[in-house]
Amino acid sequence: MVRTISPQKAEEIIQEYTPWIREVSGRYQVPEAVIKAILFREMTESDILDPLVDLLVQTQMTSKKDSSTGYAQIFGVTGLRAVEYAVDSGIATYESLGIQTDHRLSDQSEEDIHMIWRRLHDDPKFNIEAAAINLRCCAQEMTGRTDFGSFSEEEMKKTLTRYNANVAHITAYGEETYRLMLAYAEENTNV
């Protein structure tokens, strides 16, 4: 597997977007270290095929309708479900998310999924914001709550695992991302 973003480049991108990460962290009450850990993990796992698959989705030249995209590697349908969660729970509106629509979005609509996918692909800030919202969705699903500060180690690992996989057990992804989260949390306390 040929990686497209080195760990050094991932850190540069995270540093560039740290003010935005802090903003969405506060807005959605998802710790900055959690968002950064997800971003680092997703960026450094991106391989040479990811941009090619994105191109297929972008041009709609094949039956491929969705792919994980952007720094946080979010599928259009996942991003759409995160948006709907944010709107339904009152933590955001379509307008505050910069989404222009005259109807409720649906994860059954290819047009709606593709609209969100394009935003995720084209707008790094929206991609990061959707990652924070998706982390809240994952937390709600895995623990029944979104107060990250109250999570046990196991609950946090399950939440991080859920970001990447539709499973209820902790995976190697959850373990590694948890270690990254601890490192980012330590870094924040030393600032």
N, C-alpha and C. Protein backbone atom coordinates (compact mmCIF):
# COMPACT_ATOMS: atom_id res chain seq x y z
N MET A 1 0.84 -1.17 0.00
CA MET A 1 0.00 0.00 0.00
C MET A 1 0.90 1.25 0.00
N VAL A 2 0.65 2.13 -0.94
CA VAL A 2 1.42 3.36 -1.05
C VAL A 2 0.63 4.50 -0.39
N ARG A 3 1.19 5.04 0.67
CA ARG A 3 0.52 6.12 1.41
C ARG A 3 0.67 7.44 0.66
N THR A 4 -0.37 8.26 0.72
CA THR A 4 -0.33 9.55 0.03
C THR A 4 0.00 10.71 0.97
N ILE A 5 -0.18 10.50 2.28
CA ILE A 5 0.13 11.56 3.25
C ILE A 5 1.04 10.97 4.32
N SER A 6 2.22 11.51 4.45
CA SER A 6 3.18 11.05 5.46
C SER A 6 2.74 11.54 6.84
N PRO A 7 3.26 10.93 7.90
CA PRO A 7 2.96 11.43 9.24
C PRO A 7 3.36 12.90 9.41
N GLN A 8 4.47 13.30 8.83
CA GLN A 8 4.91 14.69 8.94
C GLN A 8 3.93 15.63 8.24
N LYS A 9 3.47 15.25 7.06
CA LYS A 9 2.51 16.07 6.32
C LYS A 9 1.17 16.12 7.07
N ALA A 10 0.77 15.01 7.64
CA ALA A 10 -0.48 14.98 8.43
C ALA A 10 -0.39 15.96 9.60
N GLU A 11 0.75 15.99 10.28
CA GLU A 11 0.94 16.93 11.39
C GLU A 11 0.88 18.38 10.90
N GLU A 12 1.48 18.64 9.74
CA GLU A 12 1.42 20.00 9.17
C GLU A 12 -0.02 20.41 8.89
N ILE A 13 -0.80 19.51 8.34
CA ILE A 13 -2.20 19.80 8.03
C ILE A 13 -2.98 20.03 9.33
N ILE A 14 -2.75 19.18 10.31
CA ILE A 14 -3.43 19.34 11.61
C ILE A 14 -3.07 20.69 12.23
N GLN A 15 -1.80 21.06 12.18
CA GLN A 15 -1.39 22.36 12.73
C GLN A 15 -2.07 23.51 11.97
N GLU A 16 -2.13 23.40 10.65
CA GLU A 16 -2.77 24.43 9.83
C GLU A 16 -4.24 24.62 10.22
N TYR A 17 -4.92 23.52 10.52
CA TYR A 17 -6.35 23.58 10.83
C TYR A 17 -6.66 23.59 12.33
N THR A 18 -5.65 23.69 13.18
CA THR A 18 -5.89 23.68 14.62
C THR A 18 -6.87 24.75 15.08
N PRO A 19 -6.82 25.99 14.59
CA PRO A 19 -7.85 26.96 15.03
C PRO A 19 -9.27 26.50 14.69
N TRP A 20 -9.45 25.90 13.53
CA TRP A 20 -10.77 25.40 13.15
C TRP A 20 -11.15 24.18 13.99
N ILE A 21 -10.19 23.30 14.23
CA ILE A 21 -10.45 22.12 15.06
C ILE A 21 -10.89 22.58 16.45
N ARG A 22 -10.24 23.59 16.99
CA ARG A 22 -10.64 24.12 18.31
C ARG A 22 -12.06 24.67 18.27
N GLU A 23 -12.37 25.36 17.19
CA GLU A 23 -13.72 25.93 17.07
C GLU A 23 -14.79 24.84 17.04
N VAL A 24 -14.61 23.83 16.20
CA VAL A 24 -15.63 22.78 16.13
C VAL A 24 -15.61 21.90 17.38
N SER A 25 -14.46 21.78 18.01
CA SER A 25 -14.38 21.06 19.27
C SER A 25 -15.29 21.72 20.31
N GLY A 26 -15.20 23.03 20.41
CA GLY A 26 -16.06 23.76 21.35
C GLY A 26 -17.52 23.72 20.95
N ARG A 27 -17.78 23.89 19.68
CA ARG A 27 -19.16 23.93 19.19
C ARG A 27 -19.89 22.61 19.45
N TYR A 28 -19.20 21.50 19.22
CA TYR A 28 -19.86 20.19 19.33
C TYR A 28 -19.46 19.40 20.56
N GLN A 29 -18.63 20.01 21.42
CA GLN A 29 -18.21 19.37 22.67
C GLN A 29 -17.54 18.00 22.43
N VAL A 30 -16.66 17.99 21.43
CA VAL A 30 -15.83 16.82 21.15
C VAL A 30 -14.39 17.26 21.40
N PRO A 31 -13.68 16.59 22.29
CA PRO A 31 -12.32 17.04 22.62
C PRO A 31 -11.43 17.19 21.39
N GLU A 32 -10.66 18.25 21.40
CA GLU A 32 -9.72 18.55 20.32
C GLU A 32 -8.80 17.36 20.06
N ALA A 33 -8.33 16.71 21.11
CA ALA A 33 -7.41 15.58 20.95
C ALA A 33 -8.08 14.42 20.22
N VAL A 34 -9.37 14.24 20.41
CA VAL A 34 -10.10 13.16 19.72
C VAL A 34 -10.17 13.47 18.23
N ILE A 35 -10.51 14.70 17.90
CA ILE A 35 -10.60 15.09 16.49
C ILE A 35 -9.24 14.96 15.82
N LYS A 36 -8.20 15.45 16.47
CA LYS A 36 -6.87 15.37 15.89
C LYS A 36 -6.42 13.92 15.71
N ALA A 37 -6.72 13.06 16.66
CA ALA A 37 -6.33 11.65 16.55
C ALA A 37 -7.01 10.99 15.34
N ILE A 38 -8.29 11.28 15.17
CA ILE A 38 -9.02 10.73 14.01
C ILE A 38 -8.41 11.26 12.72
N LEU A 39 -8.17 12.56 12.66
CA LEU A 39 -7.61 13.14 11.45
C LEU A 39 -6.25 12.53 11.11
N PHE A 40 -5.37 12.43 12.12
CA PHE A 40 -4.05 11.86 11.88
C PHE A 40 -4.17 10.43 11.37
N ARG A 41 -4.98 9.66 12.06
CA ARG A 41 -5.13 8.24 11.70
C ARG A 41 -5.67 8.09 10.28
N GLU A 42 -6.70 8.86 9.96
CA GLU A 42 -7.31 8.74 8.63
C GLU A 42 -6.37 9.24 7.53
N MET A 43 -5.70 10.36 7.78
CA MET A 43 -4.79 10.88 6.75
C MET A 43 -3.63 9.93 6.49
N THR A 44 -3.05 9.37 7.54
CA THR A 44 -1.87 8.53 7.35
C THR A 44 -2.24 7.13 6.84
N GLU A 45 -3.50 6.80 6.82
CA GLU A 45 -3.94 5.52 6.24
C GLU A 45 -4.41 5.68 4.80
N SER A 46 -4.48 6.91 4.33
CA SER A 46 -4.91 7.16 2.95
C SER A 46 -3.86 6.61 1.99
N ASP A 47 -4.34 5.89 0.97
CA ASP A 47 -3.38 5.33 0.02
C ASP A 47 -3.63 5.85 -1.39
N ILE A 48 -2.82 5.42 -2.30
CA ILE A 48 -2.81 5.92 -3.67
C ILE A 48 -4.15 5.69 -4.38
N LEU A 49 -4.92 4.70 -3.95
CA LEU A 49 -6.20 4.42 -4.59
C LEU A 49 -7.29 5.41 -4.18
N ASP A 50 -7.17 6.01 -3.00
CA ASP A 50 -8.21 6.91 -2.52
C ASP A 50 -8.51 8.05 -3.49
N PRO A 51 -7.52 8.78 -3.99
CA PRO A 51 -7.83 9.85 -4.95
C PRO A 51 -8.46 9.31 -6.26
N LEU A 52 -8.08 8.11 -6.65
CA LEU A 52 -8.66 7.53 -7.86
C LEU A 52 -10.14 7.20 -7.65
N VAL A 53 -10.46 6.63 -6.51
CA VAL A 53 -11.86 6.32 -6.20
C VAL A 53 -12.65 7.62 -6.08
N ASP A 54 -12.06 8.64 -5.44
CA ASP A 54 -12.73 9.94 -5.36
C ASP A 54 -13.03 10.49 -6.75
N LEU A 55 -12.09 10.34 -7.67
CA LEU A 55 -12.30 10.83 -9.02
C LEU A 55 -13.48 10.12 -9.69
N LEU A 56 -13.60 8.82 -9.48
CA LEU A 56 -14.72 8.08 -10.04
C LEU A 56 -16.05 8.59 -9.48
N VAL A 57 -16.10 8.83 -8.18
CA VAL A 57 -17.32 9.35 -7.56
C VAL A 57 -17.59 10.76 -8.06
N GLN A 58 -16.55 11.57 -8.10
CA GLN A 58 -16.68 12.97 -8.50
C GLN A 58 -17.23 13.10 -9.91
N THR A 59 -16.74 12.30 -10.81
CA THR A 59 -17.16 12.39 -12.21
C THR A 59 -18.40 11.56 -12.49
N GLN A 60 -18.75 10.68 -11.55
CA GLN A 60 -19.91 9.79 -11.70
C GLN A 60 -19.85 9.02 -13.01
N MET A 61 -18.63 8.60 -13.36
CA MET A 61 -18.43 7.88 -14.61
C MET A 61 -18.64 6.37 -14.46
N THR A 62 -18.85 5.91 -13.23
CA THR A 62 -19.07 4.48 -12.99
C THR A 62 -20.26 4.34 -12.05
N SER A 63 -20.52 3.13 -11.66
CA SER A 63 -21.60 2.87 -10.70
C SER A 63 -21.19 3.24 -9.28
N LYS A 64 -19.91 3.58 -9.08
CA LYS A 64 -19.41 3.96 -7.76
C LYS A 64 -20.05 5.30 -7.38
N LYS A 65 -20.89 5.30 -6.34
CA LYS A 65 -21.65 6.49 -5.98
C LYS A 65 -21.12 7.18 -4.73
N ASP A 66 -20.25 6.53 -3.97
CA ASP A 66 -19.80 7.09 -2.70
C ASP A 66 -18.41 6.54 -2.38
N SER A 67 -17.66 7.32 -1.65
CA SER A 67 -16.35 6.89 -1.17
C SER A 67 -16.00 7.72 0.05
N SER A 68 -15.07 7.23 0.83
CA SER A 68 -14.57 8.04 1.94
C SER A 68 -13.66 9.11 1.33
N THR A 69 -13.78 10.33 1.83
CA THR A 69 -13.07 11.42 1.19
C THR A 69 -12.62 12.46 2.20
N GLY A 70 -11.65 13.25 1.80
CA GLY A 70 -11.16 14.34 2.63
C GLY A 70 -10.24 13.87 3.74
N TYR A 71 -9.78 14.84 4.53
CA TYR A 71 -8.83 14.53 5.60
C TYR A 71 -9.38 13.52 6.60
N ALA A 72 -10.68 13.60 6.86
CA ALA A 72 -11.29 12.70 7.85
C ALA A 72 -11.86 11.44 7.22
N GLN A 73 -11.68 11.28 5.90
CA GLN A 73 -12.12 10.08 5.18
C GLN A 73 -13.56 9.68 5.54
N ILE A 74 -14.50 10.56 5.19
CA ILE A 74 -15.91 10.34 5.49
C ILE A 74 -16.66 10.03 4.20
N PHE A 75 -17.48 9.00 4.25
CA PHE A 75 -18.37 8.69 3.13
C PHE A 75 -19.47 9.74 3.08
N GLY A 76 -20.00 9.99 1.89
CA GLY A 76 -21.10 10.94 1.73
C GLY A 76 -22.30 10.57 2.58
N VAL A 77 -22.66 9.29 2.58
CA VAL A 77 -23.83 8.87 3.36
C VAL A 77 -23.57 9.05 4.86
N THR A 78 -22.36 8.82 5.31
CA THR A 78 -22.01 9.02 6.72
C THR A 78 -22.08 10.50 7.07
N GLY A 79 -21.54 11.34 6.19
CA GLY A 79 -21.61 12.78 6.40
C GLY A 79 -23.05 13.27 6.44
N LEU A 80 -23.88 12.73 5.54
CA LEU A 80 -25.29 13.12 5.51
C LEU A 80 -25.98 12.72 6.81
N ARG A 81 -25.73 11.51 7.27
CA ARG A 81 -26.34 11.06 8.54
C ARG A 81 -25.86 11.91 9.71
N ALA A 82 -24.60 12.33 9.68
CA ALA A 82 -24.08 13.20 10.73
C ALA A 82 -24.79 14.55 10.69
N VAL A 83 -24.98 15.09 9.49
CA VAL A 83 -25.70 16.36 9.34
C VAL A 83 -27.11 16.22 9.90
N GLU A 84 -27.80 15.16 9.55
CA GLU A 84 -29.17 14.96 10.03
C GLU A 84 -29.19 14.81 11.56
N TYR A 85 -28.21 14.11 12.12
CA TYR A 85 -28.10 14.01 13.57
C TYR A 85 -27.95 15.40 14.19
N ALA A 86 -27.09 16.22 13.62
CA ALA A 86 -26.85 17.57 14.15
C ALA A 86 -28.11 18.42 14.08
N VAL A 87 -28.80 18.34 12.96
CA VAL A 87 -30.03 19.12 12.79
C VAL A 87 -31.11 18.60 13.74
N ASP A 88 -31.29 17.29 13.79
CA ASP A 88 -32.33 16.70 14.66
C ASP A 88 -32.08 16.95 16.13
N SER A 89 -30.80 16.97 16.54
CA SER A 89 -30.49 17.17 17.96
C SER A 89 -30.37 18.65 18.33
N GLY A 90 -30.47 19.52 17.34
CA GLY A 90 -30.46 20.96 17.60
C GLY A 90 -29.08 21.57 17.80
N ILE A 91 -28.03 20.85 17.46
CA ILE A 91 -26.69 21.41 17.63
C ILE A 91 -26.21 22.14 16.39
N ALA A 92 -26.98 22.04 15.31
CA ALA A 92 -26.66 22.76 14.07
C ALA A 92 -27.92 22.87 13.22
N THR A 93 -27.85 23.72 12.24
CA THR A 93 -28.91 23.82 11.23
C THR A 93 -28.27 23.65 9.87
N TYR A 94 -29.10 23.40 8.87
CA TYR A 94 -28.56 23.33 7.52
C TYR A 94 -27.81 24.62 7.21
N GLU A 95 -28.43 25.73 7.57
CA GLU A 95 -27.82 27.03 7.28
C GLU A 95 -26.47 27.19 7.96
N SER A 96 -26.39 26.82 9.25
CA SER A 96 -25.11 26.97 9.97
C SER A 96 -24.03 26.06 9.40
N LEU A 97 -24.44 24.98 8.76
CA LEU A 97 -23.50 24.06 8.12
C LEU A 97 -23.21 24.43 6.67
N GLY A 98 -23.83 25.52 6.21
CA GLY A 98 -23.60 25.97 4.84
C GLY A 98 -24.27 25.10 3.80
N ILE A 99 -25.35 24.43 4.19
CA ILE A 99 -26.05 23.54 3.27
C ILE A 99 -27.32 24.24 2.79
N GLN A 100 -27.40 24.42 1.50
CA GLN A 100 -28.56 25.06 0.88
C GLN A 100 -29.51 23.96 0.40
N THR A 101 -30.65 23.87 1.04
CA THR A 101 -31.62 22.86 0.64
C THR A 101 -33.03 23.35 0.93
N ASP A 102 -33.96 22.91 0.12
CA ASP A 102 -35.36 23.25 0.35
C ASP A 102 -36.14 22.04 0.85
N HIS A 103 -35.41 20.98 1.24
CA HIS A 103 -36.05 19.76 1.75
C HIS A 103 -35.16 19.10 2.80
N ARG A 104 -35.76 18.22 3.57
CA ARG A 104 -34.99 17.43 4.52
C ARG A 104 -34.14 16.45 3.71
N LEU A 105 -32.86 16.39 4.05
CA LEU A 105 -31.96 15.48 3.34
C LEU A 105 -32.30 14.04 3.67
N SER A 106 -32.02 13.15 2.73
CA SER A 106 -32.33 11.74 2.93
C SER A 106 -31.15 10.87 2.52
N ASP A 107 -30.84 9.89 3.37
CA ASP A 107 -29.76 8.96 3.03
C ASP A 107 -30.21 7.93 1.98
N GLN A 108 -31.44 8.08 1.50
CA GLN A 108 -31.94 7.25 0.41
C GLN A 108 -31.85 7.97 -0.93
N SER A 109 -31.46 9.25 -0.89
CA SER A 109 -31.38 10.05 -2.11
C SER A 109 -29.93 10.13 -2.59
N GLU A 110 -29.67 9.60 -3.77
CA GLU A 110 -28.32 9.68 -4.34
C GLU A 110 -27.90 11.13 -4.53
N GLU A 111 -28.83 11.99 -4.89
CA GLU A 111 -28.51 13.41 -5.09
C GLU A 111 -28.07 14.06 -3.79
N ASP A 112 -28.79 13.78 -2.70
CA ASP A 112 -28.43 14.35 -1.40
C ASP A 112 -27.07 13.82 -0.93
N ILE A 113 -26.86 12.52 -1.10
CA ILE A 113 -25.58 11.93 -0.69
C ILE A 113 -24.45 12.55 -1.50
N HIS A 114 -24.65 12.69 -2.80
CA HIS A 114 -23.59 13.26 -3.64
C HIS A 114 -23.34 14.73 -3.30
N MET A 115 -24.40 15.48 -2.96
CA MET A 115 -24.21 16.88 -2.56
C MET A 115 -23.32 16.97 -1.31
N ILE A 116 -23.60 16.13 -0.31
CA ILE A 116 -22.79 16.13 0.90
C ILE A 116 -21.38 15.63 0.58
N TRP A 117 -21.28 14.60 -0.25
CA TRP A 117 -19.95 14.08 -0.62
C TRP A 117 -19.11 15.19 -1.25
N ARG A 118 -19.71 15.98 -2.14
CA ARG A 118 -18.96 17.07 -2.78
C ARG A 118 -18.46 18.06 -1.74
N ARG A 119 -19.29 18.41 -0.75
CA ARG A 119 -18.84 19.31 0.31
C ARG A 119 -17.70 18.69 1.10
N LEU A 120 -17.85 17.41 1.43
CA LEU A 120 -16.78 16.72 2.17
C LEU A 120 -15.49 16.69 1.37
N HIS A 121 -15.60 16.51 0.08
CA HIS A 121 -14.44 16.41 -0.80
C HIS A 121 -13.79 17.77 -1.04
N ASP A 122 -14.62 18.79 -1.24
CA ASP A 122 -14.12 20.10 -1.68
C ASP A 122 -13.80 21.07 -0.55
N ASP A 123 -14.34 20.86 0.63
CA ASP A 123 -14.23 21.83 1.72
C ASP A 123 -13.61 21.18 2.96
N PRO A 124 -12.30 21.34 3.16
CA PRO A 124 -11.64 20.71 4.30
C PRO A 124 -12.27 21.09 5.65
N LYS A 125 -12.71 22.33 5.78
CA LYS A 125 -13.33 22.73 7.05
C LYS A 125 -14.64 21.98 7.29
N PHE A 126 -15.44 21.83 6.25
CA PHE A 126 -16.68 21.07 6.40
C PHE A 126 -16.36 19.62 6.72
N ASN A 127 -15.33 19.07 6.09
CA ASN A 127 -14.92 17.69 6.33
C ASN A 127 -14.55 17.49 7.80
N ILE A 128 -13.80 18.41 8.36
CA ILE A 128 -13.39 18.33 9.77
C ILE A 128 -14.61 18.50 10.67
N GLU A 129 -15.48 19.45 10.33
CA GLU A 129 -16.70 19.66 11.13
C GLU A 129 -17.58 18.40 11.11
N ALA A 130 -17.74 17.79 9.94
CA ALA A 130 -18.52 16.57 9.83
C ALA A 130 -17.89 15.44 10.65
N ALA A 131 -16.56 15.41 10.72
CA ALA A 131 -15.88 14.40 11.54
C ALA A 131 -16.25 14.59 13.01
N ALA A 132 -16.25 15.83 13.48
CA ALA A 132 -16.61 16.10 14.88
C ALA A 132 -18.05 15.67 15.16
N ILE A 133 -18.95 16.01 14.24
CA ILE A 133 -20.35 15.62 14.43
C ILE A 133 -20.49 14.10 14.38
N ASN A 134 -19.78 13.47 13.45
CA ASN A 134 -19.84 12.01 13.35
C ASN A 134 -19.31 11.35 14.62
N LEU A 135 -18.29 11.95 15.22
CA LEU A 135 -17.78 11.41 16.49
C LEU A 135 -18.86 11.46 17.57
N ARG A 136 -19.65 12.54 17.60
CA ARG A 136 -20.78 12.60 18.54
C ARG A 136 -21.78 11.50 18.25
N CYS A 137 -22.07 11.26 16.97
CA CYS A 137 -22.98 10.17 16.59
C CYS A 137 -22.44 8.83 17.09
N CYS A 138 -21.15 8.61 16.88
CA CYS A 138 -20.52 7.36 17.30
C CYS A 138 -20.60 7.21 18.81
N ALA A 139 -20.33 8.30 19.53
CA ALA A 139 -20.41 8.26 20.99
C ALA A 139 -21.81 7.93 21.46
N GLN A 140 -22.80 8.59 20.86
CA GLN A 140 -24.20 8.33 21.23
C GLN A 140 -24.56 6.87 21.00
N GLU A 141 -24.15 6.35 19.85
CA GLU A 141 -24.46 4.96 19.52
C GLU A 141 -23.76 3.98 20.46
N MET A 142 -22.50 4.24 20.78
CA MET A 142 -21.72 3.27 21.56
C MET A 142 -21.93 3.38 23.07
N THR A 143 -22.26 4.58 23.56
CA THR A 143 -22.36 4.77 25.01
C THR A 143 -23.72 5.27 25.47
N GLY A 144 -24.51 5.78 24.56
CA GLY A 144 -25.80 6.36 24.93
C GLY A 144 -25.70 7.80 25.40
N ARG A 145 -24.51 8.39 25.27
CA ARG A 145 -24.32 9.78 25.69
C ARG A 145 -23.18 10.41 24.89
N THR A 146 -23.05 11.73 25.04
CA THR A 146 -22.02 12.44 24.28
C THR A 146 -21.08 13.24 25.16
N ASP A 147 -21.09 12.98 26.45
CA ASP A 147 -20.18 13.66 27.37
C ASP A 147 -18.85 12.91 27.38
N PHE A 148 -17.97 13.27 26.44
CA PHE A 148 -16.71 12.56 26.27
C PHE A 148 -15.88 12.52 27.55
N GLY A 149 -15.99 13.56 28.37
CA GLY A 149 -15.21 13.61 29.61
C GLY A 149 -15.59 12.53 30.60
N SER A 150 -16.77 11.94 30.44
CA SER A 150 -17.21 10.90 31.37
C SER A 150 -16.89 9.50 30.88
N PHE A 151 -16.31 9.36 29.70
CA PHE A 151 -16.10 8.04 29.12
C PHE A 151 -14.97 7.28 29.82
N SER A 152 -15.21 6.01 30.00
CA SER A 152 -14.14 5.12 30.45
C SER A 152 -13.21 4.89 29.25
N GLU A 153 -12.06 4.30 29.51
CA GLU A 153 -11.13 3.98 28.43
C GLU A 153 -11.82 3.08 27.40
N GLU A 154 -12.55 2.09 27.86
CA GLU A 154 -13.23 1.17 26.95
C GLU A 154 -14.28 1.90 26.11
N GLU A 155 -15.05 2.79 26.73
CA GLU A 155 -16.05 3.54 25.97
C GLU A 155 -15.42 4.42 24.91
N MET A 156 -14.31 5.05 25.26
CA MET A 156 -13.63 5.90 24.28
C MET A 156 -13.10 5.05 23.12
N LYS A 157 -12.50 3.92 23.43
CA LYS A 157 -11.98 3.05 22.37
C LYS A 157 -13.10 2.54 21.47
N LYS A 158 -14.25 2.22 22.06
CA LYS A 158 -15.39 1.77 21.25
C LYS A 158 -15.90 2.90 20.35
N THR A 159 -15.93 4.11 20.88
CA THR A 159 -16.36 5.26 20.09
C THR A 159 -15.41 5.49 18.93
N LEU A 160 -14.11 5.44 19.20
CA LEU A 160 -13.11 5.63 18.15
C LEU A 160 -13.18 4.50 17.11
N THR A 161 -13.38 3.28 17.57
CA THR A 161 -13.54 2.15 16.66
C THR A 161 -14.75 2.36 15.77
N ARG A 162 -15.84 2.83 16.36
CA ARG A 162 -17.09 3.00 15.59
C ARG A 162 -16.93 4.03 14.48
N TYR A 163 -16.05 5.00 14.68
CA TYR A 163 -15.80 5.98 13.62
C TYR A 163 -15.36 5.29 12.34
N ASN A 164 -14.63 4.20 12.48
CA ASN A 164 -14.03 3.52 11.34
C ASN A 164 -14.76 2.25 10.92
N ALA A 165 -15.55 1.66 11.80
CA ALA A 165 -16.16 0.37 11.50
C ALA A 165 -17.51 0.24 12.19
N ASN A 166 -18.40 -0.48 11.57
CA ASN A 166 -19.73 -0.69 12.12
C ASN A 166 -19.73 -1.95 12.99
N VAL A 167 -19.00 -1.87 14.09
CA VAL A 167 -18.89 -2.98 15.03
C VAL A 167 -19.04 -2.47 16.46
N ALA A 168 -19.37 -3.37 17.38
CA ALA A 168 -19.57 -2.98 18.77
C ALA A 168 -18.39 -3.37 19.66
N HIS A 169 -17.34 -3.93 19.08
CA HIS A 169 -16.16 -4.31 19.86
C HIS A 169 -14.97 -3.42 19.48
N ILE A 170 -13.98 -3.39 20.33
CA ILE A 170 -12.79 -2.57 20.09
C ILE A 170 -11.89 -3.27 19.08
N THR A 171 -11.44 -2.51 18.10
CA THR A 171 -10.53 -3.04 17.08
C THR A 171 -9.14 -2.43 17.25
N ALA A 172 -8.20 -2.89 16.44
CA ALA A 172 -6.85 -2.32 16.46
C ALA A 172 -6.91 -0.83 16.11
N TYR A 173 -7.82 -0.44 15.23
CA TYR A 173 -8.01 0.98 14.88
C TYR A 173 -8.36 1.78 16.15
N GLY A 174 -9.30 1.27 16.93
CA GLY A 174 -9.71 1.95 18.16
C GLY A 174 -8.57 2.05 19.15
N GLU A 175 -7.80 0.99 19.28
CA GLU A 175 -6.65 0.98 20.20
C GLU A 175 -5.61 2.02 19.77
N GLU A 176 -5.23 2.00 18.49
CA GLU A 176 -4.20 2.91 18.00
C GLU A 176 -4.67 4.37 18.06
N THR A 177 -5.91 4.61 17.70
CA THR A 177 -6.43 5.98 17.72
C THR A 177 -6.54 6.48 19.15
N TYR A 178 -6.83 5.60 20.08
CA TYR A 178 -6.86 5.98 21.49
C TYR A 178 -5.46 6.42 21.95
N ARG A 179 -4.43 5.69 21.55
CA ARG A 179 -3.05 6.09 21.90
C ARG A 179 -2.71 7.45 21.30
N LEU A 180 -3.13 7.67 20.06
CA LEU A 180 -2.91 8.98 19.42
C LEU A 180 -3.65 10.07 20.19
N MET A 181 -4.88 9.80 20.60
CA MET A 181 -5.66 10.77 21.35
C MET A 181 -4.95 11.15 22.66
N LEU A 182 -4.41 10.16 23.35
CA LEU A 182 -3.68 10.45 24.59
C LEU A 182 -2.47 11.33 24.32
N ALA A 183 -1.77 11.07 23.22
CA ALA A 183 -0.60 11.88 22.87
C ALA A 183 -1.01 13.32 22.56
N TYR A 184 -2.10 13.50 21.82
CA TYR A 184 -2.58 14.85 21.52
C TYR A 184 -3.09 15.54 22.78
N ALA A 185 -3.71 14.80 23.67
CA ALA A 185 -4.18 15.40 24.93
C ALA A 185 -3.00 15.87 25.77
N GLU A 186 -1.95 15.06 25.80
CA GLU A 186 -0.73 15.43 26.53
C GLU A 186 -0.09 16.67 25.91
N GLU A 187 -0.06 16.70 24.60
CA GLU A 187 0.50 17.85 23.88
C GLU A 187 -0.27 19.13 24.23
N ASN A 188 -1.60 19.03 24.33
CA ASN A 188 -2.43 20.20 24.66
C ASN A 188 -2.18 20.70 26.07
N THR A 189 -1.83 19.80 26.99
CA THR A 189 -1.58 20.23 28.37
C THR A 189 -0.20 20.88 28.51
N ASN A 190 0.69 20.60 27.55
CA ASN A 190 2.03 21.17 27.60
C ASN A 190 2.16 22.50 26.86
N VAL A 191 1.07 22.95 26.27
CA VAL A 191 1.11 24.19 25.49
C VAL A 191 1.12 25.39 26.40
